[in-house]
């Protein structure tokens, strides 16, 4: 149990989302109340991390969409003139 908690702590600290997911799927039964509380706190922190990453991804996607819309609008209004 201790090694799982240590590995999960490390994954949360370095924000390794794939490792967090893998560790959650292999979460063991905990022997003591202290271990359960510690695991619960770590999982809550991992959820906060995932929500933060989700928000950043959404923000990036919205910026990309605005940029694409802007560029698409500019293509229609650009007039090329030869000044040879």
PDB file of N, CA and C in Angstrom:
ATOM      1  N   UNK A   1       0.816  -1.194   0.000  1.00  0.00           N
ATOM      2  CA  UNK A   1       0.000   0.000   0.000  1.00  0.00           C
ATOM      3  C   UNK A   1       0.864   1.265   0.000  1.00  0.00           C
ATOM      4  N   UNK A   2       1.908   1.230   0.807  1.00  0.00           N
ATOM      5  CA  UNK A   2       2.777   2.402   0.904  1.00  0.00           C
ATOM      6  C   UNK A   2       3.410   2.732  -0.436  1.00  0.00           C
ATOM      7  N   UNK A   3       3.814   1.709  -1.174  1.00  0.00           N
ATOM      8  CA  UNK A   3       4.450   1.971  -2.465  1.00  0.00           C
ATOM      9  C   UNK A   3       3.448   2.582  -3.448  1.00  0.00           C
ATOM     10  N   UNK A   4       2.171   2.169  -3.400  1.00  0.00           N
ATOM     11  CA  UNK A   4       1.165   2.757  -4.273  1.00  0.00           C
ATOM     12  C   UNK A   4       0.982   4.227  -3.918  1.00  0.00           C
ATOM     13  N   UNK A   5       0.901   4.524  -2.643  1.00  0.00           N
ATOM     14  CA  UNK A   5       0.730   5.917  -2.203  1.00  0.00           C
ATOM     15  C   UNK A   5       1.938   6.746  -2.624  1.00  0.00           C
ATOM     16  N   UNK A   6       3.129   6.203  -2.478  1.00  0.00           N
ATOM     17  CA  UNK A   6       4.337   6.929  -2.903  1.00  0.00           C
ATOM     18  C   UNK A   6       4.328   7.175  -4.414  1.00  0.00           C
ATOM     19  N   UNK A   7       3.967   6.150  -5.172  1.00  0.00           N
ATOM     20  CA  UNK A   7       3.926   6.285  -6.630  1.00  0.00           C
ATOM     21  C   UNK A   7       2.855   7.285  -7.047  1.00  0.00           C
ATOM     22  N   UNK A   8       1.703   7.253  -6.395  1.00  0.00           N
ATOM     23  CA  UNK A   8       0.618   8.176  -6.725  1.00  0.00           C
ATOM     24  C   UNK A   8       1.005   9.603  -6.356  1.00  0.00           C
ATOM     25  N   UNK A   9       1.660   9.762  -5.214  1.00  0.00           N
ATOM     26  CA  UNK A   9       2.130  11.083  -4.793  1.00  0.00           C
ATOM     27  C   UNK A   9       3.077  11.646  -5.842  1.00  0.00           C
ATOM     28  N   UNK A  10       4.016  10.842  -6.295  1.00  0.00           N
ATOM     29  CA  UNK A  10       4.972  11.292  -7.308  1.00  0.00           C
ATOM     30  C   UNK A  10       4.253  11.671  -8.604  1.00  0.00           C
ATOM     31  N   UNK A  11       3.289  10.868  -9.013  1.00  0.00           N
ATOM     32  CA  UNK A  11       2.548  11.154 -10.242  1.00  0.00           C
ATOM     33  C   UNK A  11       1.788  12.473 -10.131  1.00  0.00           C
ATOM     34  N   UNK A  12       1.205  12.747  -8.977  1.00  0.00           N
ATOM     35  CA  UNK A  12       0.475  14.004  -8.774  1.00  0.00           C
ATOM     36  C   UNK A  12       1.450  15.174  -8.759  1.00  0.00           C
ATOM     37  N   UNK A  13       2.565  15.024  -8.083  1.00  0.00           N
ATOM     38  CA  UNK A  13       3.541  16.116  -7.986  1.00  0.00           C
ATOM     39  C   UNK A  13       4.067  16.508  -9.360  1.00  0.00           C
ATOM     40  N   UNK A  14       4.364  15.517 -10.209  1.00  0.00           N
ATOM     41  CA  UNK A  14       4.892  15.834 -11.533  1.00  0.00           C
ATOM     42  C   UNK A  14       3.786  15.981 -12.580  1.00  0.00           C
ATOM     43  N   UNK A  15       2.533  15.874 -12.152  1.00  0.00           N
ATOM     44  CA  UNK A  15       1.359  16.041 -13.016  1.00  0.00           C
ATOM     45  C   UNK A  15       1.385  15.075 -14.199  1.00  0.00           C
ATOM     46  N   UNK A  16       1.698  13.820 -13.927  1.00  0.00           N
ATOM     47  CA  UNK A  16       1.735  12.780 -14.958  1.00  0.00           C
ATOM     48  C   UNK A  16       0.355  12.147 -15.062  1.00  0.00           C
ATOM     49  N   UNK A  17      -0.454  12.678 -15.962  1.00  0.00           N
ATOM     50  CA  UNK A  17      -1.855  12.273 -16.060  1.00  0.00           C
ATOM     51  C   UNK A  17      -2.024  10.799 -16.416  1.00  0.00           C
ATOM     52  N   UNK A  18      -1.192  10.299 -17.299  1.00  0.00           N
ATOM     53  CA  UNK A  18      -1.298   8.884 -17.694  1.00  0.00           C
ATOM     54  C   UNK A  18      -0.959   7.960 -16.528  1.00  0.00           C
ATOM     55  N   UNK A  19       0.046   8.340 -15.788  1.00  0.00           N
ATOM     56  CA  UNK A  19       0.421   7.509 -14.642  1.00  0.00           C
ATOM     57  C   UNK A  19      -0.661   7.562 -13.561  1.00  0.00           C
ATOM     58  N   UNK A  20      -1.231   8.732 -13.360  1.00  0.00           N
ATOM     59  CA  UNK A  20      -2.327   8.861 -12.397  1.00  0.00           C
ATOM     60  C   UNK A  20      -3.465   7.938 -12.794  1.00  0.00           C
ATOM     61  N   UNK A  21      -3.826   7.964 -14.072  1.00  0.00           N
ATOM     62  CA  UNK A  21      -4.919   7.112 -14.560  1.00  0.00           C
ATOM     63  C   UNK A  21      -4.600   5.631 -14.329  1.00  0.00           C
ATOM     64  N   UNK A  22      -3.379   5.247 -14.647  1.00  0.00           N
ATOM     65  CA  UNK A  22      -2.975   3.852 -14.465  1.00  0.00           C
ATOM     66  C   UNK A  22      -3.023   3.451 -12.987  1.00  0.00           C
ATOM     67  N   UNK A  23      -2.528   4.310 -12.127  1.00  0.00           N
ATOM     68  CA  UNK A  23      -2.510   4.003 -10.697  1.00  0.00           C
ATOM     69  C   UNK A  23      -3.926   3.945 -10.118  1.00  0.00           C
ATOM     70  N   UNK A  24      -4.804   4.824 -10.592  1.00  0.00           N
ATOM     71  CA  UNK A  24      -6.196   4.791 -10.101  1.00  0.00           C
ATOM     72  C   UNK A  24      -6.834   3.451 -10.471  1.00  0.00           C
ATOM     73  N   UNK A  25      -6.543   2.968 -11.678  1.00  0.00           N
ATOM     74  CA  UNK A  25      -7.159   1.714 -12.113  1.00  0.00           C
ATOM     75  C   UNK A  25      -6.594   0.497 -11.374  1.00  0.00           C
ATOM     76  N   UNK A  26      -5.452   0.673 -10.716  1.00  0.00           N
ATOM     77  CA  UNK A  26      -4.854  -0.434  -9.961  1.00  0.00           C
ATOM     78  C   UNK A  26      -4.811  -0.138  -8.462  1.00  0.00           C
ATOM     79  N   UNK A  27      -5.705   0.715  -8.013  1.00  0.00           N
ATOM     80  CA  UNK A  27      -5.711   1.109  -6.607  1.00  0.00           C
ATOM     81  C   UNK A  27      -6.004  -0.101  -5.709  1.00  0.00           C
ATOM     82  N   UNK A  28      -5.152  -0.324  -4.725  1.00  0.00           N
ATOM     83  CA  UNK A  28      -5.345  -1.469  -3.827  1.00  0.00           C
ATOM     84  C   UNK A  28      -6.333  -1.155  -2.703  1.00  0.00           C
ATOM     85  N   UNK A  29      -6.671  -2.180  -1.945  1.00  0.00           N
ATOM     86  CA  UNK A  29      -7.431  -1.983  -0.709  1.00  0.00           C
ATOM     87  C   UNK A  29      -6.438  -1.483   0.342  1.00  0.00           C
ATOM     88  N   UNK A  30      -6.842  -0.513   1.125  1.00  0.00           N
ATOM     89  CA  UNK A  30      -5.945   0.042   2.135  1.00  0.00           C
ATOM     90  C   UNK A  30      -6.225  -0.582   3.486  1.00  0.00           C
ATOM     91  N   UNK A  31      -5.152  -0.790   4.235  1.00  0.00           N
ATOM     92  CA  UNK A  31      -5.244  -1.483   5.518  1.00  0.00           C
ATOM     93  C   UNK A  31      -5.664  -0.581   6.670  1.00  0.00           C
ATOM     94  N   UNK A  32      -5.245   0.671   6.610  1.00  0.00           N
ATOM     95  CA  UNK A  32      -5.496   1.552   7.752  1.00  0.00           C
ATOM     96  C   UNK A  32      -6.316   2.776   7.332  1.00  0.00           C
ATOM     97  N   UNK A  33      -6.909   3.380   8.309  1.00  0.00           N
ATOM     98  CA  UNK A  33      -7.676   4.598   8.069  1.00  0.00           C
ATOM     99  C   UNK A  33      -6.753   5.702   7.561  1.00  0.00           C
ATOM    100  N   UNK A  34      -5.556   5.770   8.105  1.00  0.00           N
ATOM    101  CA  UNK A  34      -4.581   6.782   7.683  1.00  0.00           C
ATOM    102  C   UNK A  34      -4.260   6.647   6.185  1.00  0.00           C
ATOM    103  N   UNK A  35      -4.075   5.417   5.735  1.00  0.00           N
ATOM    104  CA  UNK A  35      -3.795   5.183   4.319  1.00  0.00           C
ATOM    105  C   UNK A  35      -4.986   5.593   3.453  1.00  0.00           C
ATOM    106  N   UNK A  36      -6.185   5.279   3.901  1.00  0.00           N
ATOM    107  CA  UNK A  36      -7.387   5.657   3.148  1.00  0.00           C
ATOM    108  C   UNK A  36      -7.533   7.176   3.063  1.00  0.00           C
ATOM    109  N   UNK A  37      -7.268   7.858   4.158  1.00  0.00           N
ATOM    110  CA  UNK A  37      -7.351   9.322   4.162  1.00  0.00           C
ATOM    111  C   UNK A  37      -6.286   9.934   3.258  1.00  0.00           C
ATOM    112  N   UNK A  38      -5.102   9.381   3.319  1.00  0.00           N
ATOM    113  CA  UNK A  38      -4.016   9.878   2.481  1.00  0.00           C
ATOM    114  C   UNK A  38      -4.343   9.658   0.994  1.00  0.00           C
ATOM    115  N   UNK A  39      -4.833   8.478   0.658  1.00  0.00           N
ATOM    116  CA  UNK A  39      -5.207   8.181  -0.729  1.00  0.00           C
ATOM    117  C   UNK A  39      -6.340   9.103  -1.173  1.00  0.00           C
ATOM    118  N   UNK A  40      -7.307   9.339  -0.309  1.00  0.00           N
ATOM    119  CA  UNK A  40      -8.424  10.216  -0.635  1.00  0.00           C
ATOM    120  C   UNK A  40      -7.934  11.633  -0.926  1.00  0.00           C
ATOM    121  N   UNK A  41      -7.042  12.146  -0.110  1.00  0.00           N
ATOM    122  CA  UNK A  41      -6.496  13.490  -0.321  1.00  0.00           C
ATOM    123  C   UNK A  41      -5.722  13.562  -1.634  1.00  0.00           C
ATOM    124  N   UNK A  42      -4.965  12.532  -1.929  1.00  0.00           N
ATOM    125  CA  UNK A  42      -4.203  12.507  -3.183  1.00  0.00           C
ATOM    126  C   UNK A  42      -5.133  12.445  -4.394  1.00  0.00           C
ATOM    127  N   UNK A  43      -6.185  11.667  -4.293  1.00  0.00           N
ATOM    128  CA  UNK A  43      -7.141  11.563  -5.398  1.00  0.00           C
ATOM    129  C   UNK A  43      -7.850  12.897  -5.611  1.00  0.00           C
ATOM    130  N   UNK A  44      -8.187  13.589  -4.536  1.00  0.00           N
ATOM    131  CA  UNK A  44      -8.802  14.908  -4.659  1.00  0.00           C
ATOM    132  C   UNK A  44      -7.855  15.884  -5.352  1.00  0.00           C
ATOM    133  N   UNK A  45      -6.581  15.817  -5.012  1.00  0.00           N
ATOM    134  CA  UNK A  45      -5.582  16.682  -5.649  1.00  0.00           C
ATOM    135  C   UNK A  45      -5.448  16.328  -7.130  1.00  0.00           C
ATOM    136  N   UNK A  46      -5.479  15.038  -7.443  1.00  0.00           N
ATOM    137  CA  UNK A  46      -5.409  14.594  -8.835  1.00  0.00           C
ATOM    138  C   UNK A  46      -6.624  15.110  -9.619  1.00  0.00           C
ATOM    139  N   UNK A  47      -7.795  15.095  -8.996  1.00  0.00           N
ATOM    140  CA  UNK A  47      -8.999  15.621  -9.649  1.00  0.00           C
ATOM    141  C   UNK A  47      -8.870  17.114  -9.923  1.00  0.00           C
ATOM    142  N   UNK A  48      -8.315  17.861  -8.972  1.00  0.00           N
ATOM    143  CA  UNK A  48      -8.090  19.291  -9.188  1.00  0.00           C
ATOM    144  C   UNK A  48      -7.132  19.508 -10.357  1.00  0.00           C
ATOM    145  N   UNK A  49      -6.099  18.690 -10.408  1.00  0.00           N
ATOM    146  CA  UNK A  49      -5.136  18.771 -11.498  1.00  0.00           C
ATOM    147  C   UNK A  49      -5.819  18.505 -12.838  1.00  0.00           C
ATOM    148  N   UNK A  50      -6.633  17.469 -12.902  1.00  0.00           N
ATOM    149  CA  UNK A  50      -7.324  17.122 -14.142  1.00  0.00           C
ATOM    150  C   UNK A  50      -8.302  18.221 -14.559  1.00  0.00           C
ATOM    151  N   UNK A  51      -9.010  18.798 -13.604  1.00  0.00           N
ATOM    152  CA  UNK A  51      -9.935  19.892 -13.918  1.00  0.00           C
ATOM    153  C   UNK A  51      -9.172  21.105 -14.455  1.00  0.00           C
ATOM    154  N   UNK A  52      -8.024  21.380 -13.873  1.00  0.00           N
ATOM    155  CA  UNK A  52      -7.203  22.492 -14.337  1.00  0.00           C
ATOM    156  C   UNK A  52      -6.726  22.249 -15.765  1.00  0.00           C
ATOM    157  N   UNK A  53      -6.269  21.047 -16.045  1.00  0.00           N
ATOM    158  CA  UNK A  53      -5.817  20.703 -17.396  1.00  0.00           C
ATOM    159  C   UNK A  53      -6.972  20.759 -18.384  1.00  0.00           C
ATOM    160  N   UNK A  54      -8.136  20.332 -17.950  1.00  0.00           N
ATOM    161  CA  UNK A  54      -9.329  20.380 -18.799  1.00  0.00           C
ATOM    162  C   UNK A  54      -9.654  21.830 -19.155  1.00  0.00           C
ATOM    163  N   UNK A  55      -9.592  22.716 -18.183  1.00  0.00           N
ATOM    164  CA  UNK A  55      -9.882  24.136 -18.415  1.00  0.00           C
ATOM    165  C   UNK A  55      -8.854  24.743 -19.368  1.00  0.00           C
ATOM    166  N   UNK A  56      -7.584  24.397 -19.192  1.00  0.00           N
ATOM    167  CA  UNK A  56      -6.534  24.912 -20.084  1.00  0.00           C
ATOM    168  C   UNK A  56      -6.756  24.422 -21.511  1.00  0.00           C
ATOM    169  N   UNK A  57      -7.128  23.171 -21.652  1.00  0.00           N
ATOM    170  CA  UNK A  57      -7.378  22.607 -22.981  1.00  0.00           C
ATOM    171  C   UNK A  57      -8.553  23.310 -23.645  1.00  0.00           C
ATOM    172  N   UNK A  58      -9.621  23.536 -22.905  1.00  0.00           N
ATOM    173  CA  UNK A  58     -10.788  24.233 -23.429  1.00  0.00           C
ATOM    174  C   UNK A  58     -10.418  25.647 -23.869  1.00  0.00           C
ATOM    175  N   UNK A  59      -9.634  26.332 -23.053  1.00  0.00           N
ATOM    176  CA  UNK A  59      -9.219  27.693 -23.388  1.00  0.00           C
ATOM    177  C   UNK A  59      -8.383  27.698 -24.674  1.00  0.00           C
ATOM    178  N   UNK A  60      -7.476  26.752 -24.798  1.00  0.00           N
ATOM    179  CA  UNK A  60      -6.645  26.654 -26.003  1.00  0.00           C
ATOM    180  C   UNK A  60      -7.499  26.368 -27.228  1.00  0.00           C
ATOM    181  N   UNK A  61      -8.457  25.472 -27.075  1.00  0.00           N
ATOM    182  CA  UNK A  61      -9.337  25.144 -28.200  1.00  0.00           C
ATOM    183  C   UNK A  61     -10.154  26.361 -28.636  1.00  0.00           C
ATOM    184  N   UNK A  62     -10.609  27.149 -27.676  1.00  0.00           N
ATOM    185  CA  UNK A  62     -11.379  28.347 -28.003  1.00  0.00           C
ATOM    186  C   UNK A  62     -10.509  29.377 -28.729  1.00  0.00           C
ATOM    187  N   UNK A  63      -9.250  29.509 -28.301  1.00  0.00           N
ATOM    188  CA  UNK A  63      -8.332  30.434 -28.970  1.00  0.00           C
ATOM    189  C   UNK A  63      -8.069  29.982 -30.406  1.00  0.00           C
ATOM    190  N   UNK A  64      -7.898  28.688 -30.597  1.00  0.00           N
ATOM    191  CA  UNK A  64      -7.676  28.159 -31.944  1.00  0.00           C
ATOM    192  C   UNK A  64      -8.892  28.416 -32.823  1.00  0.00           C
ATOM    193  N   UNK A  65     -10.078  28.212 -32.275  1.00  0.00           N
ATOM    194  CA  UNK A  65     -11.307  28.443 -33.032  1.00  0.00           C
ATOM    195  C   UNK A  65     -11.425  29.915 -33.431  1.00  0.00           C
ATOM    196  N   UNK A  66     -11.122  30.823 -32.501  1.00  0.00           N
ATOM    197  CA  UNK A  66     -11.185  32.252 -32.813  1.00  0.00           C
ATOM    198  C   UNK A  66     -10.171  32.620 -33.886  1.00  0.00           C
ATOM    199  N   UNK A  67      -8.983  32.045 -33.791  1.00  0.00           N
ATOM    200  CA  UNK A  67      -7.944  32.322 -34.781  1.00  0.00           C
ATOM    201  C   UNK A  67      -8.356  31.823 -36.156  1.00  0.00           C
ATOM    202  N   UNK A  68      -8.917  30.623 -36.213  1.00  0.00           N
ATOM    203  CA  UNK A  68      -9.366  30.072 -37.494  1.00  0.00           C
ATOM    204  C   UNK A  68     -10.473  30.934 -38.089  1.00  0.00           C
ATOM    205  N   UNK A  69     -11.397  31.380 -37.253  1.00  0.00           N
ATOM    206  CA  UNK A  69     -12.487  32.232 -37.727  1.00  0.00           C
ATOM    207  C   UNK A  69     -11.931  33.551 -38.254  1.00  0.00           C
ATOM    208  N   UNK A  70     -10.984  34.132 -37.528  1.00  0.00           N
ATOM    209  CA  UNK A  70     -10.355  35.382 -37.927  1.00  0.00           C
ATOM    210  C   UNK A  70      -9.650  35.220 -39.271  1.00  0.00           C
ATOM    211  N   UNK A  71      -8.869  34.161 -39.395  1.00  0.00           N
ATOM    212  CA  UNK A  71      -8.125  33.927 -40.632  1.00  0.00           C
ATOM    213  C   UNK A  71      -9.057  33.644 -41.801  1.00  0.00           C
ATOM    214  N   UNK A  72     -10.116  32.912 -41.562  1.00  0.00           N
ATOM    215  CA  UNK A  72     -11.076  32.621 -42.623  1.00  0.00           C
ATOM    216  C   UNK A  72     -11.743  33.912 -43.099  1.00  0.00           C
ATOM    217  N   UNK A  73     -12.044  34.804 -42.193  1.00  0.00           N
ATOM    218  CA  UNK A  73     -12.649  36.087 -42.553  1.00  0.00           C
ATOM    219  C   UNK A  73     -11.691  36.977 -43.311  1.00  0.00           C
ATOM    220  N   UNK A  74     -10.432  36.928 -42.951  1.00  0.00           N
ATOM    221  CA  UNK A  74      -9.428  37.738 -43.631  1.00  0.00           C
ATOM    222  C   UNK A  74      -9.156  37.256 -45.049  1.00  0.00           C
ATOM    223  N   UNK A  75      -9.230  35.978 -45.262  1.00  0.00           N
ATOM    224  CA  UNK A  75      -8.990  35.452 -46.607  1.00  0.00           C
ATOM    225  C   UNK A  75     -10.007  36.008 -47.590  1.00  0.00           C
ATOM    226  N   UNK A  76     -11.223  36.216 -47.127  1.00  0.00           N
ATOM    227  CA  UNK A  76     -12.280  36.722 -47.994  1.00  0.00           C
ATOM    228  C   UNK A  76     -12.095  38.205 -48.296  1.00  0.00           C
ATOM    229  N   UNK A  77     -11.486  38.948 -47.392  1.00  0.00           N
ATOM    230  CA  UNK A  77     -11.378  40.393 -47.565  1.00  0.00           C
ATOM    231  C   UNK A  77     -10.037  40.820 -48.145  1.00  0.00           C
ATOM    232  N   UNK A  78      -9.095  39.948 -48.238  1.00  0.00           N
ATOM    233  CA  UNK A  78      -7.793  40.304 -48.798  1.00  0.00           C
ATOM    234  C   UNK A  78      -7.896  40.411 -50.317  1.00  0.00           C
ATOM    235  N   UNK A  79      -7.379  41.471 -50.833  1.00  0.00           N
ATOM    236  CA  UNK A  79      -7.313  41.672 -52.281  1.00  0.00           C
ATOM    237  C   UNK A  79      -5.847  41.838 -52.629  1.00  0.00           C
ATOM    238  N   UNK A  80      -5.408  41.043 -53.530  1.00  0.00           N
ATOM    239  CA  UNK A  80      -4.020  41.103 -53.940  1.00  0.00           C
ATOM    240  C   UNK A  80      -3.911  41.997 -55.169  1.00  0.00           C
ATOM    241  N   UNK A  81      -2.993  42.911 -55.117  1.00  0.00           N
ATOM    242  CA  UNK A  81      -2.810  43.857 -56.212  1.00  0.00           C
ATOM    243  C   UNK A  81      -1.371  43.754 -56.693  1.00  0.00           C
ATOM    244  N   UNK A  82      -1.193  43.644 -57.990  1.00  0.00           N
ATOM    245  CA  UNK A  82       0.141  43.563 -58.560  1.00  0.00           C
ATOM    246  C   UNK A  82       0.691  44.973 -58.736  1.00  0.00           C
ATOM    247  N   UNK A  83       1.859  45.204 -58.183  1.00  0.00           N
ATOM    248  CA  UNK A  83       2.485  46.528 -58.303  1.00  0.00           C
ATOM    249  C   UNK A  83       3.873  46.381 -58.936  1.00  0.00           C
ATOM    250  N   UNK A  84       3.912  45.691 -60.038  1.00  0.00           N
ATOM    251  CA  UNK A  84       5.151  45.344 -60.710  1.00  0.00           C
ATOM    252  C   UNK A  84       5.876  46.460 -61.251  1.00  0.00           C
TER     253      UNK A  84
END
